[in-house]
Amino acid sequence: MKRWRDSTFAIPTLIGLLSAAGLFAALLGDGWWDALAWLGLGLPAVLGIWPLLPRKSRTS
């Protein structure tokens, strides 16, 4: 049986659901909905930019 994280579509599906939840929360209202919207839209943005960040070389 395949592990969950080895699935091709599992991580992108979770990112998409998180984005949809953030958009939905942004439309619903103010207060804690705003915090949920920031989290729901900010985390996928950070995950999308993560591979573009420079890495430190691990030379020993």
N, C-alpha and C. Protein backbone atom coordinates (compact mmCIF):
# COMPACT_ATOMS: atom_id res chain seq x y z
N MET A 1 0.84 -1.18 0.00
CA MET A 1 0.00 0.00 0.00
C MET A 1 0.89 1.25 0.00
N LYS A 2 0.48 2.22 -0.77
CA LYS A 2 1.25 3.45 -0.89
C LYS A 2 1.05 4.32 0.34
N ARG A 3 2.13 4.93 0.80
CA ARG A 3 2.01 5.86 1.91
C ARG A 3 1.34 7.13 1.43
N TRP A 4 0.69 7.83 2.35
CA TRP A 4 -0.09 9.01 2.00
C TRP A 4 0.77 10.09 1.35
N ARG A 5 1.94 10.38 1.89
CA ARG A 5 2.75 11.47 1.37
C ARG A 5 3.43 11.12 0.05
N ASP A 6 3.44 9.85 -0.32
CA ASP A 6 4.01 9.44 -1.60
C ASP A 6 3.02 9.58 -2.74
N SER A 7 1.78 9.87 -2.43
CA SER A 7 0.76 10.04 -3.45
C SER A 7 1.04 11.30 -4.26
N THR A 8 0.79 11.24 -5.54
CA THR A 8 1.06 12.37 -6.43
C THR A 8 0.16 13.56 -6.15
N PHE A 9 -1.07 13.31 -5.82
CA PHE A 9 -2.03 14.40 -5.70
C PHE A 9 -2.41 14.75 -4.27
N ALA A 10 -1.85 14.10 -3.27
CA ALA A 10 -2.26 14.34 -1.89
C ALA A 10 -1.87 15.74 -1.41
N ILE A 11 -0.61 16.11 -1.55
CA ILE A 11 -0.15 17.42 -1.08
C ILE A 11 -0.79 18.56 -1.87
N PRO A 12 -0.81 18.51 -3.21
CA PRO A 12 -1.50 19.59 -3.94
C PRO A 12 -2.98 19.71 -3.60
N THR A 13 -3.63 18.59 -3.32
CA THR A 13 -5.04 18.64 -2.93
C THR A 13 -5.21 19.34 -1.59
N LEU A 14 -4.34 19.04 -0.65
CA LEU A 14 -4.41 19.71 0.65
C LEU A 14 -4.14 21.20 0.53
N ILE A 15 -3.18 21.58 -0.31
CA ILE A 15 -2.89 22.99 -0.52
C ILE A 15 -4.10 23.68 -1.16
N GLY A 16 -4.72 23.03 -2.12
CA GLY A 16 -5.91 23.59 -2.76
C GLY A 16 -7.07 23.74 -1.79
N LEU A 17 -7.28 22.75 -0.94
CA LEU A 17 -8.35 22.84 0.06
C LEU A 17 -8.08 23.94 1.08
N LEU A 18 -6.81 24.09 1.45
CA LEU A 18 -6.44 25.15 2.38
C LEU A 18 -6.67 26.53 1.75
N SER A 19 -6.33 26.67 0.48
CA SER A 19 -6.58 27.93 -0.23
C SER A 19 -8.07 28.21 -0.34
N ALA A 20 -8.85 27.20 -0.66
CA ALA A 20 -10.30 27.38 -0.77
C ALA A 20 -10.90 27.77 0.59
N ALA A 21 -10.42 27.17 1.65
CA ALA A 21 -10.91 27.52 2.99
C ALA A 21 -10.53 28.96 3.32
N GLY A 22 -9.33 29.38 2.94
CA GLY A 22 -8.92 30.76 3.18
C GLY A 22 -9.76 31.75 2.40
N LEU A 23 -10.06 31.44 1.16
CA LEU A 23 -10.91 32.32 0.36
C LEU A 23 -12.33 32.38 0.93
N PHE A 24 -12.84 31.26 1.34
CA PHE A 24 -14.17 31.21 1.94
C PHE A 24 -14.22 32.02 3.23
N ALA A 25 -13.18 31.88 4.05
CA ALA A 25 -13.12 32.63 5.31
C ALA A 25 -13.01 34.12 5.04
N ALA A 26 -12.30 34.51 4.00
CA ALA A 26 -12.15 35.93 3.67
C ALA A 26 -13.49 36.54 3.26
N LEU A 27 -14.35 35.75 2.67
CA LEU A 27 -15.65 36.24 2.24
C LEU A 27 -16.67 36.28 3.37
N LEU A 28 -16.47 35.48 4.40
CA LEU A 28 -17.49 35.34 5.43
C LEU A 28 -17.61 36.51 6.38
N GLY A 29 -16.51 37.05 6.85
CA GLY A 29 -16.68 38.10 7.83
C GLY A 29 -15.39 38.63 8.39
N ASP A 30 -15.50 39.27 9.54
CA ASP A 30 -14.36 39.91 10.20
C ASP A 30 -14.01 39.16 11.48
N GLY A 31 -13.00 39.68 12.15
CA GLY A 31 -12.59 39.08 13.41
C GLY A 31 -11.70 37.87 13.18
N TRP A 32 -12.07 36.76 13.78
CA TRP A 32 -11.23 35.56 13.66
C TRP A 32 -11.30 34.97 12.26
N TRP A 33 -12.32 35.34 11.48
CA TRP A 33 -12.38 34.91 10.08
C TRP A 33 -11.20 35.49 9.30
N ASP A 34 -10.81 36.73 9.65
CA ASP A 34 -9.67 37.34 8.98
C ASP A 34 -8.38 36.57 9.27
N ALA A 35 -8.22 36.17 10.52
CA ALA A 35 -7.03 35.39 10.88
C ALA A 35 -7.02 34.05 10.14
N LEU A 36 -8.17 33.42 10.04
CA LEU A 36 -8.27 32.16 9.30
C LEU A 36 -7.98 32.37 7.82
N ALA A 37 -8.43 33.49 7.27
CA ALA A 37 -8.16 33.80 5.86
C ALA A 37 -6.67 34.03 5.64
N TRP A 38 -6.01 34.75 6.53
CA TRP A 38 -4.58 34.97 6.41
C TRP A 38 -3.82 33.65 6.46
N LEU A 39 -4.20 32.79 7.35
CA LEU A 39 -3.55 31.49 7.46
C LEU A 39 -3.83 30.64 6.23
N GLY A 40 -5.08 30.61 5.81
CA GLY A 40 -5.47 29.78 4.68
C GLY A 40 -4.89 30.23 3.36
N LEU A 41 -4.62 31.52 3.21
CA LEU A 41 -4.04 32.03 1.98
C LEU A 41 -2.53 32.25 2.07
N GLY A 42 -2.04 32.48 3.28
CA GLY A 42 -0.61 32.73 3.45
C GLY A 42 0.23 31.47 3.42
N LEU A 43 -0.26 30.41 4.03
CA LEU A 43 0.50 29.17 4.07
C LEU A 43 0.72 28.57 2.69
N PRO A 44 -0.28 28.50 1.82
CA PRO A 44 -0.01 28.02 0.46
C PRO A 44 0.96 28.92 -0.31
N ALA A 45 0.91 30.22 -0.05
CA ALA A 45 1.86 31.13 -0.71
C ALA A 45 3.28 30.85 -0.25
N VAL A 46 3.47 30.65 1.04
CA VAL A 46 4.80 30.33 1.57
C VAL A 46 5.28 28.98 1.03
N LEU A 47 4.39 28.00 0.99
CA LEU A 47 4.77 26.69 0.46
C LEU A 47 5.13 26.76 -1.02
N GLY A 48 4.51 27.67 -1.75
CA GLY A 48 4.82 27.83 -3.17
C GLY A 48 6.15 28.50 -3.41
N ILE A 49 6.54 29.38 -2.51
CA ILE A 49 7.80 30.12 -2.65
C ILE A 49 8.98 29.35 -2.05
N TRP A 50 8.71 28.44 -1.17
CA TRP A 50 9.76 27.70 -0.44
C TRP A 50 10.84 27.12 -1.35
N PRO A 51 10.52 26.45 -2.46
CA PRO A 51 11.58 25.89 -3.31
C PRO A 51 12.44 26.96 -3.99
N LEU A 52 11.97 28.18 -4.06
CA LEU A 52 12.74 29.24 -4.71
C LEU A 52 13.76 29.90 -3.79
N LEU A 53 13.64 29.69 -2.49
CA LEU A 53 14.57 30.29 -1.54
C LEU A 53 15.94 29.64 -1.65
N PRO A 54 17.00 30.45 -1.52
CA PRO A 54 18.35 29.87 -1.61
C PRO A 54 18.64 28.98 -0.40
N ARG A 55 19.36 27.93 -0.67
CA ARG A 55 19.74 26.99 0.40
C ARG A 55 21.17 27.22 0.80
N LYS A 56 21.45 26.94 2.04
CA LYS A 56 22.84 26.98 2.51
C LYS A 56 23.51 25.69 2.09
N SER A 57 24.73 25.80 1.64
CA SER A 57 25.43 24.58 1.23
C SER A 57 25.90 23.82 2.47
N ARG A 58 25.85 22.52 2.37
CA ARG A 58 26.23 21.67 3.50
C ARG A 58 27.59 21.02 3.25
N THR A 59 28.60 21.79 3.05
CA THR A 59 29.93 21.24 2.84
C THR A 59 30.62 21.07 4.18
N SER A 60 31.21 19.91 4.37
CA SER A 60 31.88 19.63 5.63
C SER A 60 33.37 19.57 5.44
